[in-house]
Amino acid sequence: MKNSKVSIHDIARELKVNSSTVSRALSNNPRVSQKTKDRVNAKATELGYQKNLLASSSRNNKTHNWCHRP
């Protein structure tokens, strides 16, 4: 995965699991077994996965922009 951002879809493809499972594992959801969480986290680290904060903010309608103007 050189010169491109790694997505949960890339991790899912590598591990042959659903992208929903990867998403749940990365957010430590109790519906995912510890073994799967460990596999997902290891692969995410290996591939250099970084959470896309802009996409997360957009989905949650929160920008987390704490800029206060006087």
N, C-alpha and C. Protein backbone atom coordinates (compact mmCIF):
# COMPACT_ATOMS: atom_id res chain seq x y z
N MET A 1 0.84 -1.19 0.00
CA MET A 1 0.00 0.00 0.00
C MET A 1 0.88 1.26 0.00
N LYS A 2 1.74 1.38 -0.96
CA LYS A 2 2.67 2.50 -1.00
C LYS A 2 2.00 3.74 -1.57
N ASN A 3 2.37 4.90 -1.03
CA ASN A 3 1.93 6.20 -1.53
C ASN A 3 0.41 6.37 -1.59
N SER A 4 -0.32 5.70 -0.75
CA SER A 4 -1.76 5.90 -0.68
C SER A 4 -2.22 5.67 0.74
N LYS A 5 -3.36 6.26 1.05
CA LYS A 5 -3.90 6.08 2.39
C LYS A 5 -4.54 4.71 2.50
N VAL A 6 -4.32 4.08 3.61
CA VAL A 6 -4.89 2.76 3.88
C VAL A 6 -6.27 2.94 4.49
N SER A 7 -7.25 2.23 3.96
CA SER A 7 -8.61 2.32 4.47
C SER A 7 -9.00 1.02 5.18
N ILE A 8 -10.13 1.06 5.85
CA ILE A 8 -10.61 -0.16 6.50
C ILE A 8 -10.93 -1.22 5.45
N HIS A 9 -11.26 -0.79 4.24
CA HIS A 9 -11.54 -1.73 3.16
C HIS A 9 -10.27 -2.49 2.76
N ASP A 10 -9.13 -1.80 2.79
CA ASP A 10 -7.86 -2.44 2.48
C ASP A 10 -7.52 -3.50 3.53
N ILE A 11 -7.73 -3.15 4.79
CA ILE A 11 -7.47 -4.09 5.88
C ILE A 11 -8.39 -5.29 5.76
N ALA A 12 -9.67 -5.02 5.49
CA ALA A 12 -10.64 -6.10 5.35
C ALA A 12 -10.26 -7.05 4.21
N ARG A 13 -9.83 -6.49 3.10
CA ARG A 13 -9.43 -7.30 1.95
C ARG A 13 -8.25 -8.20 2.31
N GLU A 14 -7.27 -7.64 3.00
CA GLU A 14 -6.08 -8.39 3.40
C GLU A 14 -6.43 -9.55 4.34
N LEU A 15 -7.37 -9.30 5.27
CA LEU A 15 -7.72 -10.30 6.27
C LEU A 15 -8.89 -11.19 5.86
N LYS A 16 -9.49 -10.86 4.70
CA LYS A 16 -10.66 -11.61 4.21
C LYS A 16 -11.81 -11.59 5.22
N VAL A 17 -12.09 -10.39 5.71
CA VAL A 17 -13.23 -10.17 6.60
C VAL A 17 -14.01 -8.98 6.06
N ASN A 18 -15.17 -8.74 6.61
CA ASN A 18 -16.02 -7.63 6.21
C ASN A 18 -15.46 -6.32 6.75
N SER A 19 -15.62 -5.23 6.00
CA SER A 19 -15.14 -3.93 6.45
C SER A 19 -15.86 -3.47 7.73
N SER A 20 -17.10 -3.93 7.92
CA SER A 20 -17.82 -3.61 9.16
C SER A 20 -17.11 -4.24 10.36
N THR A 21 -16.60 -5.43 10.17
CA THR A 21 -15.88 -6.11 11.24
C THR A 21 -14.61 -5.34 11.58
N VAL A 22 -13.91 -4.86 10.56
CA VAL A 22 -12.70 -4.07 10.79
C VAL A 22 -13.04 -2.79 11.55
N SER A 23 -14.09 -2.13 11.13
CA SER A 23 -14.51 -0.90 11.80
C SER A 23 -14.84 -1.16 13.26
N ARG A 24 -15.59 -2.21 13.52
CA ARG A 24 -15.96 -2.55 14.90
C ARG A 24 -14.73 -2.93 15.72
N ALA A 25 -13.81 -3.67 15.10
CA ALA A 25 -12.60 -4.08 15.82
C ALA A 25 -11.75 -2.88 16.19
N LEU A 26 -11.63 -1.93 15.27
CA LEU A 26 -10.81 -0.74 15.53
C LEU A 26 -11.43 0.16 16.59
N SER A 27 -12.75 0.09 16.74
CA SER A 27 -13.41 0.89 17.78
C SER A 27 -13.68 0.07 19.04
N ASN A 28 -13.05 -1.11 19.13
CA ASN A 28 -13.10 -1.95 20.32
C ASN A 28 -14.53 -2.37 20.70
N ASN A 29 -15.34 -2.66 19.70
CA ASN A 29 -16.72 -3.07 19.92
C ASN A 29 -16.76 -4.47 20.54
N PRO A 30 -17.59 -4.67 21.55
CA PRO A 30 -17.65 -5.98 22.21
C PRO A 30 -18.21 -7.09 21.32
N ARG A 31 -18.82 -6.76 20.19
CA ARG A 31 -19.36 -7.78 19.27
C ARG A 31 -18.25 -8.53 18.53
N VAL A 32 -17.02 -8.02 18.60
CA VAL A 32 -15.90 -8.63 17.89
C VAL A 32 -15.01 -9.35 18.90
N SER A 33 -14.59 -10.55 18.55
CA SER A 33 -13.75 -11.33 19.46
C SER A 33 -12.38 -10.67 19.63
N GLN A 34 -11.74 -10.95 20.75
CA GLN A 34 -10.43 -10.38 21.03
C GLN A 34 -9.40 -10.85 19.99
N LYS A 35 -9.54 -12.08 19.55
CA LYS A 35 -8.63 -12.63 18.54
C LYS A 35 -8.72 -11.81 17.24
N THR A 36 -9.94 -11.49 16.82
CA THR A 36 -10.13 -10.71 15.60
C THR A 36 -9.62 -9.29 15.79
N LYS A 37 -9.88 -8.71 16.95
CA LYS A 37 -9.38 -7.36 17.24
C LYS A 37 -7.86 -7.32 17.15
N ASP A 38 -7.22 -8.34 17.69
CA ASP A 38 -5.76 -8.41 17.65
C ASP A 38 -5.25 -8.52 16.22
N ARG A 39 -5.91 -9.36 15.40
CA ARG A 39 -5.52 -9.51 14.00
C ARG A 39 -5.69 -8.20 13.24
N VAL A 40 -6.83 -7.54 13.45
CA VAL A 40 -7.11 -6.28 12.76
C VAL A 40 -6.12 -5.20 13.18
N ASN A 41 -5.88 -5.08 14.47
CA ASN A 41 -4.95 -4.05 14.95
C ASN A 41 -3.53 -4.31 14.44
N ALA A 42 -3.12 -5.55 14.39
CA ALA A 42 -1.79 -5.89 13.89
C ALA A 42 -1.67 -5.53 12.41
N LYS A 43 -2.69 -5.86 11.62
CA LYS A 43 -2.67 -5.55 10.19
C LYS A 43 -2.74 -4.05 9.95
N ALA A 44 -3.53 -3.34 10.75
CA ALA A 44 -3.64 -1.89 10.62
C ALA A 44 -2.28 -1.23 10.88
N THR A 45 -1.59 -1.71 11.90
CA THR A 45 -0.25 -1.18 12.21
C THR A 45 0.72 -1.51 11.08
N GLU A 46 0.67 -2.74 10.61
CA GLU A 46 1.56 -3.18 9.53
C GLU A 46 1.38 -2.33 8.27
N LEU A 47 0.13 -2.01 7.94
CA LEU A 47 -0.16 -1.26 6.72
C LEU A 47 -0.06 0.25 6.91
N GLY A 48 0.07 0.70 8.16
CA GLY A 48 0.18 2.14 8.43
C GLY A 48 -1.16 2.85 8.41
N TYR A 49 -2.20 2.16 8.84
CA TYR A 49 -3.55 2.74 8.86
C TYR A 49 -3.62 3.91 9.84
N GLN A 50 -4.27 4.99 9.39
CA GLN A 50 -4.56 6.13 10.27
C GLN A 50 -6.02 6.49 10.07
N LYS A 51 -6.72 6.70 11.16
CA LYS A 51 -8.13 7.05 11.10
C LYS A 51 -8.30 8.37 10.35
N ASN A 52 -9.30 8.43 9.48
CA ASN A 52 -9.60 9.64 8.73
C ASN A 52 -10.53 10.50 9.59
N LEU A 53 -9.95 11.46 10.28
CA LEU A 53 -10.73 12.28 11.21
C LEU A 53 -11.76 13.15 10.49
N LEU A 54 -11.43 13.61 9.29
CA LEU A 54 -12.38 14.43 8.54
C LEU A 54 -13.63 13.62 8.19
N ALA A 55 -13.44 12.39 7.76
CA ALA A 55 -14.59 11.53 7.43
C ALA A 55 -15.40 11.21 8.68
N SER A 56 -14.73 10.94 9.79
CA SER A 56 -15.43 10.65 11.03
C SER A 56 -16.25 11.85 11.49
N SER A 57 -15.67 13.02 11.40
CA SER A 57 -16.36 14.24 11.80
C SER A 57 -17.58 14.49 10.93
N SER A 58 -17.42 14.23 9.66
CA SER A 58 -18.52 14.44 8.71
C SER A 58 -19.68 13.50 9.03
N ARG A 59 -19.39 12.24 9.32
CA ARG A 59 -20.44 11.28 9.64
C ARG A 59 -21.16 11.64 10.93
N ASN A 60 -20.42 12.16 11.88
CA ASN A 60 -20.99 12.46 13.20
C ASN A 60 -21.50 13.89 13.31
N ASN A 61 -21.37 14.67 12.25
CA ASN A 61 -21.76 16.08 12.25
C ASN A 61 -21.06 16.87 13.35
N LYS A 62 -19.81 16.49 13.64
CA LYS A 62 -19.01 17.20 14.63
C LYS A 62 -17.65 17.49 14.02
N THR A 63 -17.20 18.71 14.14
CA THR A 63 -15.92 19.06 13.56
C THR A 63 -14.80 18.99 14.58
N HIS A 64 -15.13 18.99 15.85
CA HIS A 64 -14.12 19.01 16.90
C HIS A 64 -13.18 20.19 16.73
N ASN A 65 -13.73 21.28 16.22
CA ASN A 65 -12.95 22.49 16.03
C ASN A 65 -13.25 23.41 17.20
N TRP A 66 -12.31 23.44 18.12
CA TRP A 66 -12.53 24.21 19.36
C TRP A 66 -11.92 25.59 19.29
N CYS A 67 -12.05 26.24 18.16
CA CYS A 67 -11.52 27.58 17.98
C CYS A 67 -12.54 28.56 18.56
N HIS A 68 -12.13 29.28 19.57
CA HIS A 68 -13.02 30.25 20.21
C HIS A 68 -12.61 31.64 19.79
N ARG A 69 -13.58 32.39 19.33
CA ARG A 69 -13.30 33.77 18.91
C ARG A 69 -13.74 34.73 20.02
N PRO A 70 -12.93 35.75 20.24
CA PRO A 70 -13.30 36.71 21.30
C PRO A 70 -14.51 37.54 20.96
